[in-house]
PDB file of N, CA and C in Angstrom:
ATOM      1  N   MET A   1     -18.974 -29.604 -42.083  1.00  0.00           N
ATOM      2  CA  MET A   1     -19.743 -30.000 -40.853  1.00  0.00           C
ATOM      3  C   MET A   1     -19.179 -29.170 -39.702  1.00  0.00           C
ATOM      4  N   THR A   2     -18.021 -30.645 -39.392  1.00  0.00           N
ATOM      5  CA  THR A   2     -17.331 -30.527 -38.345  1.00  0.00           C
ATOM      6  C   THR A   2     -16.473 -29.143 -38.187  1.00  0.00           C
ATOM      7  N   GLY A   3     -16.082 -28.176 -39.249  1.00  0.00           N
ATOM      8  CA  GLY A   3     -16.169 -26.442 -38.895  1.00  0.00           C
ATOM      9  C   GLY A   3     -16.618 -26.490 -37.953  1.00  0.00           C
ATOM     10  N   ILE A   4     -18.115 -25.650 -38.596  1.00  0.00           N
ATOM     11  CA  ILE A   4     -19.075 -25.121 -37.814  1.00  0.00           C
ATOM     12  C   ILE A   4     -19.450 -25.830 -36.395  1.00  0.00           C
ATOM     13  N   LEU A   5     -19.233 -26.835 -35.939  1.00  0.00           N
ATOM     14  CA  LEU A   5     -18.830 -27.539 -34.469  1.00  0.00           C
ATOM     15  C   LEU A   5     -18.279 -27.231 -33.716  1.00  0.00           C
ATOM     16  N   LEU A   6     -17.031 -27.140 -34.504  1.00  0.00           N
ATOM     17  CA  LEU A   6     -15.562 -26.716 -33.667  1.00  0.00           C
ATOM     18  C   LEU A   6     -15.397 -25.525 -33.816  1.00  0.00           C
ATOM     19  N   THR A   7     -15.950 -24.563 -34.418  1.00  0.00           N
ATOM     20  CA  THR A   7     -15.945 -22.870 -34.269  1.00  0.00           C
ATOM     21  C   THR A   7     -17.128 -22.083 -33.071  1.00  0.00           C
ATOM     22  N   PHE A   8     -18.117 -22.721 -33.223  1.00  0.00           N
ATOM     23  CA  PHE A   8     -19.627 -22.713 -32.633  1.00  0.00           C
ATOM     24  C   PHE A   8     -19.272 -21.924 -31.245  1.00  0.00           C
ATOM     25  N   PRO A   9     -18.115 -23.042 -30.499  1.00  0.00           N
ATOM     26  CA  PRO A   9     -18.195 -22.462 -28.748  1.00  0.00           C
ATOM     27  C   PRO A   9     -17.139 -21.059 -29.015  1.00  0.00           C
ATOM     28  N   VAL A  10     -16.669 -20.938 -29.465  1.00  0.00           N
ATOM     29  CA  VAL A  10     -15.237 -19.974 -29.948  1.00  0.00           C
ATOM     30  C   VAL A  10     -16.404 -18.918 -30.032  1.00  0.00           C
ATOM     31  N   VAL A  11     -17.486 -18.601 -31.314  1.00  0.00           N
ATOM     32  CA  VAL A  11     -17.927 -17.590 -31.248  1.00  0.00           C
ATOM     33  C   VAL A  11     -19.302 -17.530 -29.975  1.00  0.00           C
ATOM     34  N   TRP A  12     -19.579 -18.602 -29.375  1.00  0.00           N
ATOM     35  CA  TRP A  12     -20.716 -18.203 -28.561  1.00  0.00           C
ATOM     36  C   TRP A  12     -19.347 -17.617 -27.399  1.00  0.00           C
ATOM     37  N   ARG A  13     -18.163 -17.656 -27.051  1.00  0.00           N
ATOM     38  CA  ARG A  13     -17.910 -17.135 -25.952  1.00  0.00           C
ATOM     39  C   ARG A  13     -17.884 -15.497 -25.574  1.00  0.00           C
ATOM     40  N   ARG A  14     -18.071 -15.219 -27.200  1.00  0.00           N
ATOM     41  CA  ARG A  14     -18.232 -13.621 -27.178  1.00  0.00           C
ATOM     42  C   ARG A  14     -19.541 -13.188 -26.862  1.00  0.00           C
ATOM     43  N   PRO A  15     -19.150 -12.393 -26.216  1.00  0.00           N
ATOM     44  CA  PRO A  15     -20.085 -11.644 -25.174  1.00  0.00           C
ATOM     45  C   PRO A  15     -21.602 -10.615 -25.880  1.00  0.00           C
ATOM     46  N   ARG A  16     -21.248 -10.632 -27.497  1.00  0.00           N
ATOM     47  CA  ARG A  16     -21.854  -9.623 -28.014  1.00  0.00           C
ATOM     48  C   ARG A  16     -22.824 -10.694 -28.691  1.00  0.00           C
ATOM     49  N   MET A  17     -21.841 -11.819 -28.914  1.00  0.00           N
ATOM     50  CA  MET A  17     -22.507 -12.603 -30.032  1.00  0.00           C
ATOM     51  C   MET A  17     -23.541 -13.459 -28.599  1.00  0.00           C
ATOM     52  N   ARG A  18     -23.247 -13.535 -27.487  1.00  0.00           N
ATOM     53  CA  ARG A  18     -23.864 -14.295 -26.952  1.00  0.00           C
ATOM     54  C   ARG A  18     -25.486 -13.150 -26.556  1.00  0.00           C
ATOM     55  N   ALA A  19     -25.407 -12.176 -26.070  1.00  0.00           N
ATOM     56  CA  ALA A  19     -26.755 -11.030 -25.577  1.00  0.00           C
ATOM     57  C   ALA A  19     -27.303 -10.896 -27.155  1.00  0.00           C
ATOM     58  N   PHE A  20     -26.637 -10.939 -28.298  1.00  0.00           N
ATOM     59  CA  PHE A  20     -27.460 -10.575 -29.591  1.00  0.00           C
ATOM     60  C   PHE A  20     -28.276 -11.566 -29.880  1.00  0.00           C
ATOM     61  N   VAL A  21     -28.068 -13.006 -29.544  1.00  0.00           N
ATOM     62  CA  VAL A  21     -28.560 -14.400 -29.543  1.00  0.00           C
ATOM     63  C   VAL A  21     -29.558 -14.686 -28.306  1.00  0.00           C
ATOM     64  N   ALA A  22     -29.208 -14.023 -27.154  1.00  0.00           N
ATOM     65  CA  ALA A  22     -30.404 -13.657 -26.336  1.00  0.00           C
ATOM     66  C   ALA A  22     -31.620 -12.756 -26.311  1.00  0.00           C
ATOM     67  N   ALA A  23     -31.634 -11.457 -27.036  1.00  0.00           N
ATOM     68  CA  ALA A  23     -32.239 -10.775 -26.670  1.00  0.00           C
ATOM     69  C   ALA A  23     -32.844 -11.379 -28.772  1.00  0.00           C
ATOM     70  N   LEU A  24     -32.460 -11.886 -29.601  1.00  0.00           N
ATOM     71  CA  LEU A  24     -33.086 -12.624 -30.740  1.00  0.00           C
ATOM     72  C   LEU A  24     -34.210 -13.754 -30.056  1.00  0.00           C
ATOM     73  N   ALA A  25     -33.590 -14.468 -29.427  1.00  0.00           N
ATOM     74  CA  ALA A  25     -34.602 -15.006 -28.918  1.00  0.00           C
ATOM     75  C   ALA A  25     -36.019 -14.945 -28.313  1.00  0.00           C
ATOM     76  N   ASP A  26     -35.709 -13.795 -27.293  1.00  0.00           N
ATOM     77  CA  ASP A  26     -36.447 -12.965 -26.371  1.00  0.00           C
ATOM     78  C   ASP A  26     -37.842 -12.428 -27.093  1.00  0.00           C
ATOM     79  N   ARG A  27     -37.197 -12.082 -28.625  1.00  0.00           N
ATOM     80  CA  ARG A  27     -37.776 -11.371 -29.585  1.00  0.00           C
ATOM     81  C   ARG A  27     -38.800 -12.003 -30.382  1.00  0.00           C
ATOM     82  N   TRP A  28     -38.461 -13.102 -29.874  1.00  0.00           N
ATOM     83  CA  TRP A  28     -38.643 -14.497 -31.124  1.00  0.00           C
ATOM     84  C   TRP A  28     -40.031 -14.744 -30.224  1.00  0.00           C
ATOM     85  N   GLU A  29     -40.290 -15.258 -28.899  1.00  0.00           N
ATOM     86  CA  GLU A  29     -40.647 -15.601 -27.960  1.00  0.00           C
ATOM     87  C   GLU A  29     -41.922 -14.227 -27.370  1.00  0.00           C
ATOM     88  N   ARG A  30     -41.794 -12.981 -27.095  1.00  0.00           N
ATOM     89  CA  ARG A  30     -42.856 -12.475 -27.270  1.00  0.00           C
ATOM     90  C   ARG A  30     -43.958 -12.069 -28.616  1.00  0.00           C
ATOM     91  N   ALA A  31     -43.038 -12.087 -29.407  1.00  0.00           N
ATOM     92  CA  ALA A  31     -44.092 -12.421 -31.231  1.00  0.00           C
ATOM     93  C   ALA A  31     -44.818 -13.977 -31.176  1.00  0.00           C
ATOM     94  N   ARG A  32     -44.080 -14.486 -30.768  1.00  0.00           N
ATOM     95  CA  ARG A  32     -44.972 -15.651 -30.559  1.00  0.00           C
ATOM     96  C   ARG A  32     -46.080 -15.678 -29.402  1.00  0.00           C
ATOM     97  N   ARG A  33     -45.832 -15.298 -27.847  1.00  0.00           N
ATOM     98  CA  ARG A  33     -46.883 -14.792 -27.147  1.00  0.00           C
ATOM     99  C   ARG A  33     -47.852 -14.016 -27.707  1.00  0.00           C
ATOM    100  N   LEU A  34     -47.786 -13.108 -28.485  1.00  0.00           N
ATOM    101  CA  LEU A  34     -48.100 -12.053 -29.169  1.00  0.00           C
ATOM    102  C   LEU A  34     -49.442 -12.738 -30.244  1.00  0.00           C
ATOM    103  N   ARG A  35     -48.386 -13.512 -30.866  1.00  0.00           N
ATOM    104  CA  ARG A  35     -49.786 -14.324 -31.855  1.00  0.00           C
ATOM    105  C   ARG A  35     -50.600 -15.204 -31.652  1.00  0.00           C
ATOM    106  N   GLU A  36     -49.995 -15.968 -30.551  1.00  0.00           N
ATOM    107  CA  GLU A  36     -51.186 -17.232 -29.415  1.00  0.00           C
ATOM    108  C   GLU A  36     -52.515 -15.881 -28.905  1.00  0.00           C
ATOM    109  N   THR A  37     -52.158 -14.654 -28.096  1.00  0.00           N
ATOM    110  CA  THR A  37     -52.848 -13.837 -27.653  1.00  0.00           C
ATOM    111  C   THR A  37     -54.005 -13.666 -28.565  1.00  0.00           C
ATOM    112  N   ARG A  38     -52.940 -13.041 -29.793  1.00  0.00           N
ATOM    113  CA  ARG A  38     -54.389 -12.975 -30.533  1.00  0.00           C
ATOM    114  C   ARG A  38     -55.198 -13.950 -31.098  1.00  0.00           C
ATOM    115  N   ARG A  39     -54.669 -15.048 -31.255  1.00  0.00           N
ATOM    116  CA  ARG A  39     -55.641 -15.884 -31.742  1.00  0.00           C
ATOM    117  C   ARG A  39     -56.610 -16.303 -30.733  1.00  0.00           C
ATOM    118  N   TYR A  40     -56.504 -15.815 -29.407  1.00  0.00           N
ATOM    119  CA  TYR A  40     -57.220 -16.718 -28.441  1.00  0.00           C
ATOM    120  C   TYR A  40     -58.086 -15.546 -28.450  1.00  0.00           C
ATOM    121  N   ILE A  41     -58.241 -14.112 -28.701  1.00  0.00           N
ATOM    122  CA  ILE A  41     -59.003 -12.960 -28.633  1.00  0.00           C
ATOM    123  C   ILE A  41     -60.324 -13.484 -29.931  1.00  0.00           C
ATOM    124  N   GLN A  42     -59.487 -13.658 -30.771  1.00  0.00           N
ATOM    125  CA  GLN A  42     -60.306 -14.367 -32.367  1.00  0.00           C
ATOM    126  C   GLN A  42     -61.217 -15.403 -32.062  1.00  0.00           C
ATOM    127  N   GLN A  43     -60.929 -16.321 -31.007  1.00  0.00           N
ATOM    128  CA  GLN A  43     -62.120 -16.950 -30.469  1.00  0.00           C
ATOM    129  C   GLN A  43     -62.943 -16.706 -29.573  1.00  0.00           C
ATOM    130  N   MET A  44     -62.661 -15.779 -28.295  1.00  0.00           N
ATOM    131  CA  MET A  44     -63.491 -15.087 -27.653  1.00  0.00           C
ATOM    132  C   MET A  44     -65.303 -14.955 -28.184  1.00  0.00           C
ATOM    133  N   ASP A  45     -66.202 -14.879 -27.808  1.00  0.00           N
ATOM    134  CA  ASP A  45     -67.519 -14.269 -27.784  1.00  0.00           C
ATOM    135  C   ASP A  45     -67.975 -12.996 -27.078  1.00  0.00           C
ATOM    136  N   ASP A  46     -68.799 -12.067 -27.154  1.00  0.00           N
ATOM    137  CA  ASP A  46     -69.073 -10.948 -26.569  1.00  0.00           C
ATOM    138  C   ASP A  46     -68.622 -11.413 -25.405  1.00  0.00           C
ATOM    139  N   HIS A  47     -69.437 -11.736 -24.801  1.00  0.00           N
ATOM    140  CA  HIS A  47     -69.767 -11.670 -23.107  1.00  0.00           C
ATOM    141  C   HIS A  47     -68.434 -12.052 -22.487  1.00  0.00           C
ATOM    142  N   MET A  48     -67.554 -12.822 -23.115  1.00  0.00           N
ATOM    143  CA  MET A  48     -66.272 -13.072 -22.550  1.00  0.00           C
ATOM    144  C   MET A  48     -65.236 -12.068 -23.097  1.00  0.00           C
ATOM    145  N   LEU A  49     -65.540 -10.948 -24.078  1.00  0.00           N
ATOM    146  CA  LEU A  49     -64.490 -10.051 -24.733  1.00  0.00           C
ATOM    147  C   LEU A  49     -65.011  -9.194 -23.892  1.00  0.00           C
ATOM    148  N   SER A  50     -66.248  -8.588 -22.950  1.00  0.00           N
ATOM    149  CA  SER A  50     -66.312  -7.995 -22.242  1.00  0.00           C
ATOM    150  C   SER A  50     -66.009  -7.573 -21.236  1.00  0.00           C
ATOM    151  N   ASP A  51     -65.910  -9.021 -20.901  1.00  0.00           N
ATOM    152  CA  ASP A  51     -65.438  -9.125 -19.134  1.00  0.00           C
ATOM    153  C   ASP A  51     -63.745  -9.406 -18.996  1.00  0.00           C
ATOM    154  N   ILE A  52     -63.332  -9.341 -20.231  1.00  0.00           N
ATOM    155  CA  ILE A  52     -61.491  -8.335 -19.982  1.00  0.00           C
ATOM    156  C   ILE A  52     -61.414  -6.809 -20.559  1.00  0.00           C
ATOM    157  N   GLY A  53     -62.878  -6.388 -20.856  1.00  0.00           N
ATOM    158  CA  GLY A  53     -63.150  -4.971 -21.490  1.00  0.00           C
ATOM    159  C   GLY A  53     -62.458  -4.783 -22.587  1.00  0.00           C
ATOM    160  N   ILE A  54     -62.395  -5.199 -23.405  1.00  0.00           N
ATOM    161  CA  ILE A  54     -62.552  -5.061 -25.011  1.00  0.00           C
ATOM    162  C   ILE A  54     -64.093  -5.311 -25.808  1.00  0.00           C
ATOM    163  N   SER A  55     -63.967  -4.389 -26.630  1.00  0.00           N
ATOM    164  CA  SER A  55     -65.214  -4.354 -27.999  1.00  0.00           C
ATOM    165  C   SER A  55     -64.552  -5.408 -28.752  1.00  0.00           C
ATOM    166  N   ARG A  56     -65.700  -6.063 -30.107  1.00  0.00           N
ATOM    167  CA  ARG A  56     -65.221  -6.772 -30.723  1.00  0.00           C
ATOM    168  C   ARG A  56     -64.484  -6.032 -31.290  1.00  0.00           C
ATOM    169  N   ALA A  57     -64.988  -4.164 -32.145  1.00  0.00           N
ATOM    170  CA  ALA A  57     -64.589  -3.890 -32.837  1.00  0.00           C
ATOM    171  C   ALA A  57     -62.755  -3.468 -32.642  1.00  0.00           C
ATOM    172  N   GLN A  58     -62.169  -3.475 -30.862  1.00  0.00           N
ATOM    173  CA  GLN A  58     -60.669  -3.888 -30.726  1.00  0.00           C
ATOM    174  C   GLN A  58     -60.373  -4.869 -31.235  1.00  0.00           C
ATOM    175  N   ALA A  59     -61.029  -6.100 -30.437  1.00  0.00           N
ATOM    176  CA  ALA A  59     -60.883  -7.522 -31.114  1.00  0.00           C
ATOM    177  C   ALA A  59     -60.575  -7.790 -32.819  1.00  0.00           C
ATOM    178  N   LEU A  60     -61.397  -7.203 -33.084  1.00  0.00           N
ATOM    179  CA  LEU A  60     -61.354  -7.258 -34.859  1.00  0.00           C
ATOM    180  C   LEU A  60     -60.031  -6.485 -35.237  1.00  0.00           C
ATOM    181  N   PHE A  61     -59.698  -5.173 -34.637  1.00  0.00           N
ATOM    182  CA  PHE A  61     -58.629  -4.566 -35.093  1.00  0.00           C
ATOM    183  C   PHE A  61     -56.945  -5.593 -34.485  1.00  0.00           C
ATOM    184  N   GLU A  62     -57.105  -5.979 -33.814  1.00  0.00           N
ATOM    185  CA  GLU A  62     -56.092  -6.994 -32.823  1.00  0.00           C
ATOM    186  C   GLU A  62     -55.708  -8.110 -33.661  1.00  0.00           C
ATOM    187  N   ILE A  63     -57.254  -8.860 -34.451  1.00  0.00           N
ATOM    188  CA  ILE A  63     -57.273  -9.991 -35.417  1.00  0.00           C
ATOM    189  C   ILE A  63     -56.225  -9.606 -36.702  1.00  0.00           C
ATOM    190  N   ASP A  64     -57.084  -8.332 -37.230  1.00  0.00           N
ATOM    191  CA  ASP A  64     -56.699  -8.304 -38.613  1.00  0.00           C
ATOM    192  C   ASP A  64     -54.851  -7.803 -38.303  1.00  0.00           C
ATOM    193  N   ARG A  65     -54.633  -7.149 -37.294  1.00  0.00           N
ATOM    194  CA  ARG A  65     -53.043  -7.049 -37.738  1.00  0.00           C
ATOM    195  C   ARG A  65     -52.732  -8.926 -37.210  1.00  0.00           C
ATOM    196  N   LEU A  66     -52.605  -9.741 -36.943  1.00  0.00           N
ATOM    197  CA  LEU A  66     -52.192 -10.846 -36.907  1.00  0.00           C
ATOM    198  C   LEU A  66     -52.364 -11.349 -38.181  1.00  0.00           C
ATOM    199  N   VAL A  67     -53.330 -11.260 -39.191  1.00  0.00           N
ATOM    200  CA  VAL A  67     -53.387 -11.978 -40.109  1.00  0.00           C
ATOM    201  C   VAL A  67     -52.245 -10.776 -41.206  1.00  0.00           C
ATOM    202  N   GLY A  68     -52.556  -9.444 -40.974  1.00  0.00           N
ATOM    203  CA  GLY A  68     -51.496  -8.539 -41.589  1.00  0.00           C
ATOM    204  C   GLY A  68     -52.599  -8.136 -43.009  1.00  0.00           C
ATOM    205  N   ARG A  69     -53.498  -7.455 -42.856  1.00  0.00           N
ATOM    206  CA  ARG A  69     -54.927  -6.931 -43.709  1.00  0.00           C
ATOM    207  C   ARG A  69     -53.984  -5.715 -43.986  1.00  0.00           C
TER     208      ARG A  69
END
C-alpha cells in the first residue's frame, strides 16, 4: 500500500496522465448531469414538458435511453 502512495505523485506529474484523469472526470460529470436531467424529465407532467418545448413522446424517448431499453 505504501508503494502506491509513494509512486502516485510521480505518476500525477506526468502531463498526459493528468490530462487523461481530467478528461475522465469531465466525461463522468457530463454523464451524471445527463442522467439527472433525464430523470427530471421523467417526473414532468405534460404542461411542464410543453413549457420547455418537448412532447411526451420525446420525453419517453429520452427516458428509454436512460433505462437502456
